[in-house]
Amino acid sequence: MDNKENRLIESFTTVGGLLLIAGAAVYITGWEYSPYFYLVGSLMFASGQFADRYTGDDPIVKRLRFQQVLGAVFLLLTAALMFSAPLHNRLLADMGAGGKMRSFLLEITRKNNWIVTLTIGAVFELYSAFRLDHIAKNKG
């Protein structure tokens, strides 16, 4: 990739990260459009992570890049869980539906499960970003 493409990917990822943070922070207030901000931000951030390729042969950098991609997947999963709150409320209201599937769906769509996936994704992203920066400084 040339320098112009790298700057474009970095800008895309940065804007996505800002939207992602804004959407997650405002979601707590209950604003109905906050999951959409988060969704757009997570899609932009994840696509930037997926587009950034490592073509070297350093196993540590390869592992850290995999952790970044895995973190982006967790951030996308968070967006899906943010949209599951209405499904959770419908499942609670429909007491006629029973069985293991209803219990499973109630557990998955619990209102605060998105915080767990967001935390996992953030830890993966932060750890790998700091480690990659440390490796780059030591090589340069």
Protein backbone atom coordinates (compact mmCIF):
# COMPACT_ATOMS: atom_id res chain seq x y z
CA MET A 1 0.00 0.00 0.00
CA ASP A 2 1.22 3.46 -0.73
CA ASN A 3 1.33 6.33 1.72
CA LYS A 4 -1.91 7.91 0.45
CA GLU A 5 -3.88 4.69 1.01
CA ASN A 6 -2.41 4.33 4.51
CA ARG A 7 -3.47 7.88 5.43
CA LEU A 8 -6.97 7.22 4.08
CA ILE A 9 -7.28 4.02 6.13
CA GLU A 10 -6.01 5.80 9.24
CA SER A 11 -8.48 8.67 8.76
CA PHE A 12 -11.35 6.26 8.19
CA THR A 13 -10.42 4.31 11.30
CA THR A 14 -10.05 7.48 13.39
CA VAL A 15 -13.45 8.87 12.38
CA GLY A 16 -15.00 5.45 12.99
CA GLY A 17 -13.39 5.29 16.42
CA LEU A 18 -14.77 8.70 17.35
CA LEU A 19 -18.28 7.73 16.24
CA LEU A 20 -17.92 4.45 18.08
CA ILE A 21 -16.99 6.19 21.34
CA ALA A 22 -19.74 8.79 20.94
CA GLY A 23 -22.37 6.12 20.24
CA ALA A 24 -21.34 4.01 23.23
CA ALA A 25 -21.19 6.99 25.58
CA VAL A 26 -24.58 8.36 24.52
CA TYR A 27 -26.24 4.90 24.50
CA ILE A 28 -26.27 4.96 28.30
CA THR A 29 -28.56 8.00 28.22
CA GLY A 30 -31.16 6.07 26.26
CA TRP A 31 -31.07 8.25 23.13
CA GLU A 32 -32.74 6.19 20.43
CA TYR A 33 -30.24 7.05 17.66
CA SER A 34 -27.08 6.23 19.62
CA PRO A 35 -26.90 2.59 18.41
CA TYR A 36 -26.87 3.91 14.84
CA PHE A 37 -23.89 6.16 15.61
CA TYR A 38 -22.15 3.21 17.21
CA LEU A 39 -23.01 0.93 14.28
CA VAL A 40 -21.63 3.36 11.68
CA GLY A 41 -18.53 3.94 13.80
CA SER A 42 -17.91 0.24 14.34
CA LEU A 43 -18.35 -0.50 10.64
CA MET A 44 -15.88 2.24 9.72
CA PHE A 45 -13.40 1.22 12.42
CA ALA A 46 -13.62 -2.49 11.59
CA SER A 47 -13.28 -1.90 7.85
CA GLY A 48 -10.17 0.16 8.54
CA GLN A 49 -8.77 -2.66 10.66
CA PHE A 50 -9.59 -5.26 8.01
CA ALA A 51 -8.02 -3.16 5.23
CA ASP A 52 -4.76 -2.63 7.12
CA ARG A 53 -2.65 -5.63 6.12
CA TYR A 54 0.64 -6.88 7.48
CA THR A 55 2.78 -8.60 4.86
CA GLY A 56 5.87 -9.25 6.98
CA ASP A 57 6.93 -12.47 8.64
CA ASP A 58 7.26 -11.42 12.30
CA PRO A 59 5.06 -13.86 14.30
CA ILE A 60 4.53 -11.37 17.14
CA VAL A 61 3.21 -8.68 14.80
CA LYS A 62 1.03 -11.25 13.04
CA ARG A 63 -0.48 -12.28 16.38
CA LEU A 64 -1.08 -8.67 17.39
CA ARG A 65 -2.73 -7.90 14.04
CA PHE A 66 -4.99 -10.93 14.54
CA GLN A 67 -5.90 -9.58 17.99
CA GLN A 68 -6.78 -6.22 16.42
CA VAL A 69 -9.05 -7.90 13.89
CA LEU A 70 -10.63 -10.01 16.64
CA GLY A 71 -11.19 -6.85 18.68
CA ALA A 72 -12.92 -5.26 15.68
CA VAL A 73 -15.20 -8.30 15.41
CA PHE A 74 -16.14 -7.90 19.09
CA LEU A 75 -16.90 -4.23 18.46
CA LEU A 76 -19.22 -5.24 15.60
CA LEU A 77 -20.90 -7.80 17.85
CA THR A 78 -21.45 -5.01 20.37
CA ALA A 79 -23.45 -3.09 17.76
CA ALA A 80 -25.71 -6.10 17.22
CA LEU A 81 -26.27 -6.43 20.97
CA MET A 82 -27.13 -2.75 21.26
CA PHE A 83 -29.97 -3.32 18.82
CA SER A 84 -31.21 -6.38 20.73
CA ALA A 85 -32.83 -4.45 23.61
CA PRO A 86 -36.21 -4.17 21.80
CA LEU A 87 -36.10 -7.91 21.10
CA HIS A 88 -35.45 -8.53 24.79
CA ASN A 89 -38.48 -6.44 25.76
CA ARG A 90 -40.70 -8.32 23.27
CA LEU A 91 -39.50 -11.67 24.62
CA LEU A 92 -40.29 -10.57 28.17
CA ALA A 93 -43.77 -9.43 27.12
CA ASP A 94 -44.53 -12.70 25.28
CA MET A 95 -44.85 -15.08 28.20
CA GLY A 96 -46.60 -17.66 25.97
CA ALA A 97 -43.39 -18.52 24.16
CA GLY A 98 -41.50 -21.05 26.22
CA GLY A 99 -38.69 -23.48 26.04
CA LYS A 100 -34.97 -23.41 25.87
CA MET A 101 -34.83 -21.12 22.83
CA ARG A 102 -36.68 -18.34 24.65
CA SER A 103 -34.37 -18.70 27.66
CA PHE A 104 -31.34 -18.58 25.36
CA LEU A 105 -32.61 -15.49 23.54
CA LEU A 106 -33.45 -13.76 26.83
CA GLU A 107 -29.93 -14.42 28.08
CA ILE A 108 -28.24 -13.17 24.89
CA THR A 109 -30.36 -10.04 24.58
CA ARG A 110 -30.07 -8.94 28.19
CA LYS A 111 -29.81 -5.18 28.19
CA ASN A 112 -26.20 -4.87 29.34
CA ASN A 113 -24.48 -7.71 27.47
CA TRP A 114 -23.13 -5.18 25.00
CA ILE A 115 -20.85 -3.83 27.73
CA VAL A 116 -19.06 -7.17 27.99
CA THR A 117 -18.32 -7.43 24.26
CA LEU A 118 -17.33 -3.76 24.13
CA THR A 119 -14.87 -4.30 26.98
CA ILE A 120 -13.34 -7.38 25.36
CA GLY A 121 -12.98 -5.59 22.02
CA ALA A 122 -11.49 -2.49 23.65
CA VAL A 123 -8.93 -4.54 25.61
CA PHE A 124 -7.83 -6.39 22.46
CA GLU A 125 -7.56 -3.13 20.51
CA LEU A 126 -5.70 -1.20 23.23
CA TYR A 127 -3.25 -3.96 24.10
CA SER A 128 -2.33 -4.68 20.49
CA ALA A 129 -2.05 -0.98 19.61
CA PHE A 130 0.38 -0.29 22.46
CA ARG A 131 2.41 -3.43 21.78
CA LEU A 132 2.63 -2.69 18.04
CA ASP A 133 3.77 0.86 18.82
CA HIS A 134 6.40 -0.49 21.22
CA ILE A 135 7.68 -2.96 18.60
CA ALA A 136 7.82 -0.24 15.93
CA LYS A 137 9.87 2.04 18.24
CA ASN A 138 12.32 -0.74 19.06
CA LYS A 139 12.87 -1.61 15.39
CA GLY A 140 13.24 2.02 14.26
